[in-house]
């Protein structure tokens, strides 16, 4: 089963400068358990997914064609 993906932009990388870049778009993977604790599962600079504070990101809405291109890149 494919995991639901959403695009988010990093607005604060304090404490995570090696893993996250401010103003960069990241893929957030759906993780209901993490979200209950105020965390998002983010595919970071390592290419792996890790939990980060939800407050460090904002959801973004892109046209479907752009979202598809970003996810395929």
C-alpha atoms as a PDB file:
ATOM      1  CA  UNK A   1       0.000   0.000   0.000  1.00  0.00           C
ATOM      2  CA  UNK A   2       1.408   3.379  -1.000  1.00  0.00           C
ATOM      3  CA  UNK A   3       1.816   5.845   1.829  1.00  0.00           C
ATOM      4  CA  UNK A   4      -0.011   9.164   1.453  1.00  0.00           C
ATOM      5  CA  UNK A   5       2.398  12.001   0.701  1.00  0.00           C
ATOM      6  CA  UNK A   6       1.945  15.705   1.143  1.00  0.00           C
ATOM      7  CA  UNK A   7       4.292  18.553   0.362  1.00  0.00           C
ATOM      8  CA  UNK A   8       5.438  20.889   3.117  1.00  0.00           C
ATOM      9  CA  UNK A   9       7.903  23.749   3.309  1.00  0.00           C
ATOM     10  CA  UNK A  10      10.434  24.028   6.137  1.00  0.00           C
ATOM     11  CA  UNK A  11      10.083  27.317   8.007  1.00  0.00           C
ATOM     12  CA  UNK A  12      12.406  26.551  10.952  1.00  0.00           C
ATOM     13  CA  UNK A  13      15.406  24.207  11.049  1.00  0.00           C
ATOM     14  CA  UNK A  14      16.691  25.189  14.508  1.00  0.00           C
ATOM     15  CA  UNK A  15      18.441  22.155  15.955  1.00  0.00           C
ATOM     16  CA  UNK A  16      18.258  20.313  12.623  1.00  0.00           C
ATOM     17  CA  UNK A  17      20.479  22.412  10.323  1.00  0.00           C
ATOM     18  CA  UNK A  18      22.295  19.321   9.003  1.00  0.00           C
ATOM     19  CA  UNK A  19      19.022  17.578   8.127  1.00  0.00           C
ATOM     20  CA  UNK A  20      16.671  20.357   7.016  1.00  0.00           C
ATOM     21  CA  UNK A  21      16.978  23.510   4.910  1.00  0.00           C
ATOM     22  CA  UNK A  22      14.724  26.506   5.545  1.00  0.00           C
ATOM     23  CA  UNK A  23      12.415  27.415   2.622  1.00  0.00           C
ATOM     24  CA  UNK A  24      12.906  23.981   1.020  1.00  0.00           C
ATOM     25  CA  UNK A  25      10.001  21.744   0.007  1.00  0.00           C
ATOM     26  CA  UNK A  26       9.917  18.320   1.666  1.00  0.00           C
ATOM     27  CA  UNK A  27       7.725  15.248   1.374  1.00  0.00           C
ATOM     28  CA  UNK A  28       5.756  14.465   4.520  1.00  0.00           C
ATOM     29  CA  UNK A  29       4.541  10.881   4.893  1.00  0.00           C
ATOM     30  CA  UNK A  30       1.246  10.238   6.671  1.00  0.00           C
ATOM     31  CA  UNK A  31       1.869   9.002  10.223  1.00  0.00           C
ATOM     32  CA  UNK A  32      -1.173   9.377  12.480  1.00  0.00           C
ATOM     33  CA  UNK A  33       0.771   8.266  15.573  1.00  0.00           C
ATOM     34  CA  UNK A  34       3.458  10.897  15.063  1.00  0.00           C
ATOM     35  CA  UNK A  35       0.894  13.625  14.376  1.00  0.00           C
ATOM     36  CA  UNK A  36      -0.769  12.914  17.738  1.00  0.00           C
ATOM     37  CA  UNK A  37       2.545  13.920  19.307  1.00  0.00           C
ATOM     38  CA  UNK A  38       2.954  17.086  17.207  1.00  0.00           C
ATOM     39  CA  UNK A  39       5.450  15.498  14.820  1.00  0.00           C
ATOM     40  CA  UNK A  40       5.655  14.992  11.061  1.00  0.00           C
ATOM     41  CA  UNK A  41       7.456  12.154   9.270  1.00  0.00           C
ATOM     42  CA  UNK A  42       9.672  13.981   6.765  1.00  0.00           C
ATOM     43  CA  UNK A  43      11.945  12.615   4.037  1.00  0.00           C
ATOM     44  CA  UNK A  44      14.999  14.768   4.849  1.00  0.00           C
ATOM     45  CA  UNK A  45      18.387  15.494   3.236  1.00  0.00           C
ATOM     46  CA  UNK A  46      19.581  11.931   3.972  1.00  0.00           C
ATOM     47  CA  UNK A  47      16.788  10.531   1.793  1.00  0.00           C
ATOM     48  CA  UNK A  48      15.368   8.691   4.809  1.00  0.00           C
ATOM     49  CA  UNK A  49      12.237   9.603   6.751  1.00  0.00           C
ATOM     50  CA  UNK A  50      12.492  10.917  10.310  1.00  0.00           C
ATOM     51  CA  UNK A  51      10.208  12.653  12.773  1.00  0.00           C
ATOM     52  CA  UNK A  52      10.442  16.431  13.154  1.00  0.00           C
ATOM     53  CA  UNK A  53       8.329  18.997  15.026  1.00  0.00           C
ATOM     54  CA  UNK A  54       5.192  19.858  13.051  1.00  0.00           C
ATOM     55  CA  UNK A  55       5.731  23.529  13.948  1.00  0.00           C
ATOM     56  CA  UNK A  56       8.847  23.555  11.719  1.00  0.00           C
ATOM     57  CA  UNK A  57       6.729  23.091   8.575  1.00  0.00           C
ATOM     58  CA  UNK A  58       3.749  24.519   6.725  1.00  0.00           C
ATOM     59  CA  UNK A  59       1.619  22.598   4.250  1.00  0.00           C
ATOM     60  CA  UNK A  60       1.672  23.918   0.707  1.00  0.00           C
ATOM     61  CA  UNK A  61      -0.830  23.468  -2.097  1.00  0.00           C
ATOM     62  CA  UNK A  62       0.518  23.225  -5.613  1.00  0.00           C
ATOM     63  CA  UNK A  63      -1.266  22.645  -8.912  1.00  0.00           C
ATOM     64  CA  UNK A  64      -1.572  18.882  -9.544  1.00  0.00           C
ATOM     65  CA  UNK A  65       0.891  18.950 -12.468  1.00  0.00           C
ATOM     66  CA  UNK A  66       3.515  20.736 -10.334  1.00  0.00           C
ATOM     67  CA  UNK A  67       2.977  18.412  -7.368  1.00  0.00           C
ATOM     68  CA  UNK A  68       3.353  15.383  -9.653  1.00  0.00           C
ATOM     69  CA  UNK A  69       6.601  16.807 -11.082  1.00  0.00           C
ATOM     70  CA  UNK A  70       8.008  17.567  -7.605  1.00  0.00           C
ATOM     71  CA  UNK A  71       7.177  14.075  -6.332  1.00  0.00           C
ATOM     72  CA  UNK A  72       8.757  12.492  -9.433  1.00  0.00           C
ATOM     73  CA  UNK A  73      11.988  14.511  -9.146  1.00  0.00           C
END
